[in-house]
Amino acid sequence: MSDVHELMQAMGRAAVAAAVPLALADAATKNRALTAAAAALRRRYAAVVAANVEDMSAARQAGLGAALLDRLHLDEKRVEAMARGLEEIVALADPIGSVSAEWTRPNGLRIQRVRVPLGVIGIIYESRPNVTADAGALCLKSGNAAILRGGSESGRSSAAIHACLAEGLAAAGLPPACIQLVPTADRAAVGEMLGGMSDYIDVLVPRGGRSLVARVQAEARVPVIGHLEGNCHVYVDRDADPDMARAVVLNSKLRRTGVCGAAETLLIDRAVAPALARSLVAALLDAGCEVRADEAAGLLGGDARVKPATEQDWYTEYLDAIIAVRVVDGVDGAMAHIAKYGSAHTESIVTANSATAERFLARVDSAIVLHNASTQFADGGEFGMGAEIGISTDRFHARGPVGVEQLTSYKYVVRGAGQVRPG
């Protein structure tokens, strides 16, 4: 325990020291580091994949489920996607030093609100080794030093990816401590980040399952950016185009079942049940998705493969090829269901009625709301924000995809000409 404490304290001190020159680094220097890291990922992809093969083998032996294995898996295509993600971040405008507002007071004082880094960001994540690249790069671009603590199941993969980031930092002449990867799988390291490093870490970002996020939100002694669950919904309205509804529902649920933007509940307007409901349920079942439905509109009698839904299903984030299906009384019924059971993450409405769509978009209080589009677009890259460090369901500071701009704060810069405040 004392060894882990000393290790984490040393990492904290190094991060604080590195944050100073990083905050002052110009855009060209940071972009040079990211470009070199992307090149290193492509050059070393065989080593990254080989490390991942070892992680995958150990994970299978440990009995990890299909969703977690999918999150952990890397191949040449996914490594290339990481490299492209870094280059997309290079293409983003540098937020540091940008002026978001400015005005002049009657006394002549000129005031500006200027973007600045948060400082040192700690990221605690599970399974997904690509978070190492995404989080490290976003912190770098936004001028923040990063301390990354990946899950033990992705340790070899994350180390191989971090080596590429380190190569990028060296190429740009930036301190290696700008992006640090915790080198131990000891769980005590997480405890140190939560409760023992408030002198060094300014913000924590958890990426993982409910138990990890809940622990971070409960125990952290610094601010936390994150979401607890992604219980996302698709509502198919009475005015939906059936072919569009089928495409959006299947993609929302099954494109990748293990991402937080995957739909977990399908809501169908009673006005178009049972015909459309049975059609959509059959499409999901035929695609290999387990369906747990209510009894409305004869869903259970329509196909013997359908399982009865329980009250708990409406609250559940499956992260698997399972979906809950419910018939509701129009858009108001859908919104009431989402308000009661949802996690304020991402919700979509499929309808050709613009007034109904606008009602849904205005009244559903989630971080992301969509009209006639898949919930799987709940992603910073798809929003044009580059890779994202996560989706925030918070109402303070950042909400929705957390990208470069969301990893900054601001300060007020005031310029005068000798003004003093009268008594």
Foldseek 3Di string as FASTA:
>chain_A
DVVLLVVLVVLLVLQQVLLVVLQVDDLVLLLQLLLQLLVLLLVCVVQLQVLLVVLLVVCVVVPDDPLLSVLQHDDNVVSNVLSVLSVLLSVDDQQAQDWPDWDADPVGKIKTKGWTFLEEEEEEEERHLSLLSLVLSLCSSLSYAYEYEYAPSNLSNNVSSLVSSLSSCVSSVGDSSSYHYPNDNPPVNVVCQAAPNVVRHAEYEYYYALVVVVCSVVRHPHHYFAFRALAEEEEEFPAFDLVLVLVQLCCLAPVQLQDSLRHAEYEYELNPPDPSVLVSVVSLVVVPAAEAEDCPRNNCVSDVSHHHDDPVSLQDSPSDRYHYYYYAHGLVRVLVSCVVRNRLAEYEYGHPDVVSQVVNVVPRRHLYYYYSHHSVCQACVSVSQRHFSHAGRDPPQDHGGHGNSSSIDIDMDIDDDPDDDDD
